[in-house]
N, C-alpha and C. Protein backbone atom coordinates (compact mmCIF):
# COMPACT_ATOMS: atom_id res chain seq x y z
N MET A 1 7.54 15.84 4.63
CA MET A 1 7.50 14.44 4.27
C MET A 1 7.56 14.30 2.77
N GLY A 2 8.09 13.18 2.33
CA GLY A 2 8.20 12.89 0.91
C GLY A 2 7.15 11.89 0.47
N PHE A 3 7.52 11.06 -0.47
CA PHE A 3 6.63 10.05 -1.01
C PHE A 3 7.13 8.66 -0.68
N ARG A 4 6.20 7.70 -0.65
CA ARG A 4 6.50 6.31 -0.32
C ARG A 4 6.12 5.45 -1.51
N THR A 5 6.97 4.49 -1.83
CA THR A 5 6.69 3.52 -2.88
C THR A 5 6.69 2.13 -2.26
N VAL A 6 5.62 1.39 -2.46
CA VAL A 6 5.52 0.01 -1.98
C VAL A 6 5.70 -0.91 -3.18
N VAL A 7 6.68 -1.81 -3.06
CA VAL A 7 7.03 -2.70 -4.16
C VAL A 7 6.98 -4.15 -3.66
N VAL A 8 6.43 -5.04 -4.46
CA VAL A 8 6.46 -6.47 -4.19
C VAL A 8 7.44 -7.09 -5.19
N LEU A 9 8.44 -7.79 -4.66
CA LEU A 9 9.42 -8.46 -5.50
C LEU A 9 9.20 -9.97 -5.45
N ASN A 10 9.40 -10.64 -6.56
CA ASN A 10 9.29 -12.09 -6.66
C ASN A 10 10.59 -12.71 -6.18
N ASN A 11 10.57 -13.34 -5.01
CA ASN A 11 11.79 -13.95 -4.47
C ASN A 11 12.31 -15.10 -5.32
N ASP A 12 11.44 -15.75 -6.09
CA ASP A 12 11.90 -16.83 -6.96
C ASP A 12 12.83 -16.31 -8.04
N LEU A 13 12.78 -15.00 -8.30
CA LEU A 13 13.66 -14.39 -9.30
C LEU A 13 14.80 -13.59 -8.66
N ALA A 14 15.03 -13.78 -7.37
CA ALA A 14 16.07 -13.03 -6.67
C ALA A 14 17.44 -13.23 -7.30
N HIS A 15 17.69 -14.40 -7.84
CA HIS A 15 18.98 -14.65 -8.49
C HIS A 15 19.21 -13.69 -9.66
N ALA A 16 18.14 -13.23 -10.26
CA ALA A 16 18.25 -12.29 -11.39
C ALA A 16 18.24 -10.84 -10.92
N TRP A 17 17.32 -10.49 -10.01
CA TRP A 17 17.20 -9.08 -9.64
C TRP A 17 18.25 -8.62 -8.64
N GLU A 18 18.89 -9.54 -7.93
CA GLU A 18 19.87 -9.11 -6.93
C GLU A 18 21.08 -8.41 -7.55
N SER A 19 21.34 -8.67 -8.81
CA SER A 19 22.49 -8.02 -9.45
C SER A 19 22.09 -7.25 -10.71
N ASP A 20 20.81 -6.95 -10.85
CA ASP A 20 20.33 -6.23 -12.03
C ASP A 20 20.65 -4.74 -11.87
N PRO A 21 21.50 -4.20 -12.74
CA PRO A 21 21.89 -2.80 -12.60
C PRO A 21 20.78 -1.80 -12.95
N VAL A 22 19.70 -2.25 -13.57
CA VAL A 22 18.63 -1.33 -13.94
C VAL A 22 17.36 -1.52 -13.11
N LEU A 23 17.42 -2.34 -12.08
CA LEU A 23 16.23 -2.59 -11.26
C LEU A 23 15.69 -1.30 -10.66
N GLY A 24 16.57 -0.46 -10.14
CA GLY A 24 16.12 0.81 -9.56
C GLY A 24 15.40 1.67 -10.58
N ARG A 25 15.90 1.72 -11.80
CA ARG A 25 15.26 2.50 -12.86
C ARG A 25 13.89 1.92 -13.20
N GLN A 26 13.79 0.57 -13.25
CA GLN A 26 12.52 -0.07 -13.55
C GLN A 26 11.48 0.22 -12.47
N ILE A 27 11.91 0.15 -11.21
CA ILE A 27 10.99 0.45 -10.10
C ILE A 27 10.57 1.91 -10.16
N SER A 28 11.52 2.80 -10.41
CA SER A 28 11.22 4.22 -10.47
C SER A 28 10.21 4.53 -11.58
N ARG A 29 10.40 3.93 -12.74
CA ARG A 29 9.48 4.16 -13.86
C ARG A 29 8.09 3.64 -13.53
N ALA A 30 8.03 2.40 -13.00
CA ALA A 30 6.73 1.82 -12.66
C ALA A 30 6.05 2.63 -11.56
N ALA A 31 6.82 3.11 -10.59
CA ALA A 31 6.25 3.91 -9.50
C ALA A 31 5.73 5.24 -10.03
N SER A 32 6.46 5.84 -10.93
CA SER A 32 6.01 7.11 -11.50
C SER A 32 4.71 6.94 -12.26
N LEU A 33 4.61 5.88 -13.03
CA LEU A 33 3.38 5.63 -13.78
C LEU A 33 2.22 5.32 -12.85
N LYS A 34 2.49 4.60 -11.78
CA LYS A 34 1.45 4.26 -10.82
C LYS A 34 0.99 5.49 -10.06
N GLY A 35 1.95 6.29 -9.61
CA GLY A 35 1.61 7.42 -8.75
C GLY A 35 1.10 8.65 -9.45
N TRP A 36 1.59 8.92 -10.64
CA TRP A 36 1.28 10.22 -11.26
C TRP A 36 0.29 10.15 -12.40
N SER A 37 0.29 9.09 -13.15
CA SER A 37 -0.58 9.09 -14.32
C SER A 37 -1.87 8.32 -14.11
N GLY A 38 -1.95 7.54 -13.01
CA GLY A 38 -3.14 6.74 -12.78
C GLY A 38 -3.22 5.54 -13.70
N MET A 39 -2.13 5.25 -14.40
CA MET A 39 -2.12 4.12 -15.34
C MET A 39 -1.77 2.84 -14.58
N GLY A 40 -2.73 2.29 -13.87
CA GLY A 40 -2.51 1.13 -13.03
C GLY A 40 -2.12 -0.12 -13.79
N THR A 41 -2.24 -0.11 -15.11
CA THR A 41 -1.89 -1.30 -15.88
C THR A 41 -0.40 -1.33 -16.23
N ILE A 42 0.31 -0.24 -16.00
CA ILE A 42 1.74 -0.21 -16.33
C ILE A 42 2.54 -0.05 -15.04
N ASP A 43 2.25 -0.90 -14.06
CA ASP A 43 2.93 -0.80 -12.80
C ASP A 43 3.80 -2.02 -12.51
N ARG A 44 3.90 -2.90 -13.48
CA ARG A 44 4.72 -4.10 -13.32
C ARG A 44 6.08 -3.89 -13.98
N PHE A 45 7.03 -4.65 -13.49
CA PHE A 45 8.35 -4.70 -14.10
C PHE A 45 8.78 -6.16 -14.03
N PRO A 46 9.88 -6.56 -14.66
CA PRO A 46 10.18 -7.99 -14.80
C PRO A 46 10.20 -8.80 -13.50
N TYR A 47 10.44 -8.17 -12.36
CA TYR A 47 10.61 -8.93 -11.13
C TYR A 47 9.51 -8.70 -10.10
N GLY A 48 8.52 -7.91 -10.43
CA GLY A 48 7.49 -7.64 -9.44
C GLY A 48 6.53 -6.57 -9.87
N GLU A 49 6.00 -5.87 -8.87
CA GLU A 49 4.95 -4.88 -9.11
C GLU A 49 5.02 -3.76 -8.09
N VAL A 50 4.72 -2.57 -8.54
CA VAL A 50 4.55 -1.44 -7.63
C VAL A 50 3.10 -1.46 -7.16
N VAL A 51 2.90 -1.56 -5.85
CA VAL A 51 1.56 -1.60 -5.29
C VAL A 51 0.99 -0.20 -5.18
N GLU A 52 1.82 0.74 -4.72
CA GLU A 52 1.36 2.12 -4.63
C GLU A 52 2.54 3.07 -4.55
N GLN A 53 2.27 4.30 -4.90
CA GLN A 53 3.18 5.42 -4.63
C GLN A 53 2.29 6.56 -4.15
N VAL A 54 2.49 6.95 -2.89
CA VAL A 54 1.66 7.98 -2.28
C VAL A 54 2.51 8.85 -1.38
N HIS A 55 1.93 9.95 -0.94
CA HIS A 55 2.61 10.82 0.01
C HIS A 55 2.82 10.04 1.30
N ALA A 56 3.92 10.28 1.97
CA ALA A 56 4.30 9.50 3.14
C ALA A 56 3.37 9.67 4.33
N ASP A 57 2.51 10.68 4.35
CA ASP A 57 1.58 10.82 5.47
C ASP A 57 0.26 10.09 5.22
N CYS A 58 0.20 9.34 4.15
CA CYS A 58 -0.97 8.54 3.86
C CYS A 58 -0.81 7.17 4.53
N GLN A 59 -1.86 6.70 5.17
CA GLN A 59 -1.87 5.35 5.73
C GLN A 59 -2.71 4.49 4.80
N THR A 60 -2.25 3.26 4.55
CA THR A 60 -2.87 2.42 3.54
C THR A 60 -3.16 1.02 4.08
N VAL A 61 -4.32 0.49 3.72
CA VAL A 61 -4.60 -0.93 3.89
C VAL A 61 -4.41 -1.53 2.50
N ALA A 62 -3.55 -2.55 2.42
CA ALA A 62 -3.30 -3.20 1.14
C ALA A 62 -3.38 -4.71 1.30
N PHE A 63 -3.84 -5.37 0.27
CA PHE A 63 -3.85 -6.82 0.24
C PHE A 63 -2.75 -7.27 -0.70
N LEU A 64 -1.87 -8.11 -0.19
CA LEU A 64 -0.77 -8.65 -0.98
C LEU A 64 -1.11 -10.09 -1.31
N ASP A 65 -0.97 -10.43 -2.59
CA ASP A 65 -1.35 -11.76 -3.04
C ASP A 65 -0.45 -12.16 -4.19
N GLY A 66 0.10 -13.35 -4.12
CA GLY A 66 0.99 -13.79 -5.17
C GLY A 66 2.20 -12.90 -5.24
N TYR A 67 2.45 -12.32 -6.40
CA TYR A 67 3.60 -11.44 -6.60
C TYR A 67 3.18 -10.00 -6.80
N GLY A 68 2.03 -9.65 -6.28
CA GLY A 68 1.54 -8.28 -6.43
C GLY A 68 0.66 -7.91 -5.26
N GLY A 69 -0.10 -6.86 -5.45
CA GLY A 69 -0.99 -6.42 -4.39
C GLY A 69 -1.84 -5.27 -4.86
N LYS A 70 -2.73 -4.87 -3.97
CA LYS A 70 -3.62 -3.76 -4.29
C LYS A 70 -3.91 -2.97 -3.02
N ALA A 71 -3.72 -1.68 -3.10
CA ALA A 71 -4.10 -0.78 -2.00
C ALA A 71 -5.61 -0.61 -2.09
N VAL A 72 -6.31 -0.79 -0.96
CA VAL A 72 -7.77 -0.79 -1.00
C VAL A 72 -8.43 0.28 -0.14
N ALA A 73 -7.70 0.82 0.83
CA ALA A 73 -8.30 1.85 1.68
C ALA A 73 -7.21 2.78 2.20
N TYR A 74 -7.58 4.02 2.45
CA TYR A 74 -6.61 5.04 2.84
C TYR A 74 -7.13 5.88 4.00
N SER A 75 -6.20 6.39 4.76
CA SER A 75 -6.49 7.37 5.80
C SER A 75 -5.28 8.29 5.85
N HIS A 76 -5.31 9.24 6.76
CA HIS A 76 -4.19 10.17 6.88
C HIS A 76 -3.52 10.01 8.23
N TRP A 77 -2.24 10.25 8.26
CA TRP A 77 -1.46 10.22 9.48
C TRP A 77 -1.77 11.48 10.29
N PHE A 78 -1.92 11.31 11.59
CA PHE A 78 -2.15 12.44 12.48
C PHE A 78 -1.12 12.38 13.60
N ARG A 79 -0.59 13.52 13.97
CA ARG A 79 0.38 13.60 15.06
C ARG A 79 -0.22 13.06 16.36
N ASN A 80 0.56 12.34 17.12
CA ASN A 80 0.18 11.78 18.42
C ASN A 80 -0.94 10.74 18.35
N GLN A 81 -1.13 10.15 17.19
CA GLN A 81 -2.15 9.12 17.02
C GLN A 81 -1.64 7.82 17.66
N THR A 82 -2.46 7.19 18.51
CA THR A 82 -2.04 5.93 19.11
C THR A 82 -2.19 4.80 18.09
N GLU A 83 -1.57 3.68 18.36
CA GLU A 83 -1.68 2.52 17.48
C GLU A 83 -3.15 2.07 17.37
N ASP A 84 -3.87 2.06 18.49
CA ASP A 84 -5.28 1.68 18.46
C ASP A 84 -6.12 2.66 17.63
N GLN A 85 -5.85 3.95 17.75
CA GLN A 85 -6.58 4.95 16.96
C GLN A 85 -6.30 4.75 15.47
N LYS A 86 -5.04 4.52 15.14
CA LYS A 86 -4.66 4.30 13.74
C LYS A 86 -5.35 3.06 13.20
N ASN A 87 -5.31 1.97 13.96
CA ASN A 87 -5.92 0.73 13.49
C ASN A 87 -7.42 0.88 13.31
N LEU A 88 -8.10 1.56 14.23
CA LEU A 88 -9.53 1.77 14.11
C LEU A 88 -9.85 2.65 12.90
N ASN A 89 -9.09 3.71 12.69
CA ASN A 89 -9.31 4.56 11.52
C ASN A 89 -9.15 3.78 10.22
N MET A 90 -8.15 2.91 10.18
CA MET A 90 -7.92 2.13 8.97
C MET A 90 -9.02 1.09 8.77
N LEU A 91 -9.48 0.48 9.85
CA LEU A 91 -10.59 -0.47 9.76
C LEU A 91 -11.84 0.23 9.24
N LYS A 92 -12.11 1.42 9.75
CA LYS A 92 -13.27 2.20 9.29
C LYS A 92 -13.12 2.59 7.82
N ALA A 93 -11.92 2.94 7.40
CA ALA A 93 -11.69 3.31 6.00
C ALA A 93 -11.92 2.11 5.09
N LEU A 94 -11.45 0.94 5.49
CA LEU A 94 -11.66 -0.27 4.70
C LEU A 94 -13.14 -0.62 4.64
N ALA A 95 -13.81 -0.60 5.79
CA ALA A 95 -15.24 -0.90 5.82
C ALA A 95 -16.02 0.06 4.93
N ASP A 96 -15.69 1.34 5.00
CA ASP A 96 -16.37 2.35 4.18
C ASP A 96 -16.15 2.08 2.69
N ALA A 97 -14.93 1.72 2.32
CA ALA A 97 -14.63 1.43 0.91
C ALA A 97 -15.44 0.24 0.41
N LEU A 98 -15.80 -0.65 1.31
CA LEU A 98 -16.58 -1.84 0.94
C LEU A 98 -18.09 -1.64 1.15
N GLY A 99 -18.47 -0.44 1.61
CA GLY A 99 -19.89 -0.14 1.80
C GLY A 99 -20.44 -0.52 3.16
N TYR A 100 -19.56 -0.64 4.15
CA TYR A 100 -19.99 -1.01 5.50
C TYR A 100 -19.63 0.07 6.50
N ARG A 101 -20.16 -0.08 7.71
CA ARG A 101 -19.80 0.75 8.84
C ARG A 101 -19.30 -0.15 9.95
N VAL A 102 -18.45 0.40 10.79
CA VAL A 102 -17.91 -0.35 11.93
C VAL A 102 -18.54 0.22 13.19
N SER A 103 -19.00 -0.67 14.06
CA SER A 103 -19.51 -0.21 15.35
C SER A 103 -18.91 -1.10 16.44
N LYS A 104 -18.71 -0.50 17.58
CA LYS A 104 -18.11 -1.21 18.70
C LYS A 104 -19.14 -2.13 19.34
N LYS A 105 -18.68 -3.30 19.78
CA LYS A 105 -19.55 -4.23 20.47
C LYS A 105 -19.96 -3.62 21.81
N PRO A 106 -21.18 -3.87 22.23
CA PRO A 106 -21.58 -3.35 23.54
C PRO A 106 -20.81 -4.06 24.64
N THR A 107 -20.53 -3.34 25.71
CA THR A 107 -19.82 -3.93 26.84
C THR A 107 -20.80 -4.09 27.99
N LYS A 108 -20.52 -5.08 28.84
CA LYS A 108 -21.37 -5.30 30.02
C LYS A 108 -21.13 -4.21 31.04
N LYS A 109 -22.20 -3.72 31.61
CA LYS A 109 -22.08 -2.74 32.69
C LYS A 109 -22.07 -3.48 34.02
N ASP A 110 -21.17 -3.09 34.89
CA ASP A 110 -21.08 -3.76 36.21
C ASP A 110 -22.12 -3.25 37.15
């Protein structure tokens, strides 16, 4: 597996970025700074923001707001993981990042 870059683009500026010949270079530079140097303040470019650059087997909970976003919790991809297992793992990762624990509601016994 390789790496994944999550980018938020400002659609109000689509008229400018749709034909910008250096957009790819700008995204690449911002992604490199976000992913490798930890310099989260240099992750913007004229048309948007790089939210994250991580290894592709990383699962992320991110909040997108306005023209940017923030990755807030992480887990790892596991082979044969069901959608429910993935969602529960991500919920637990987010809760843990916020200082909480997740517990299942009790079910009625017949």
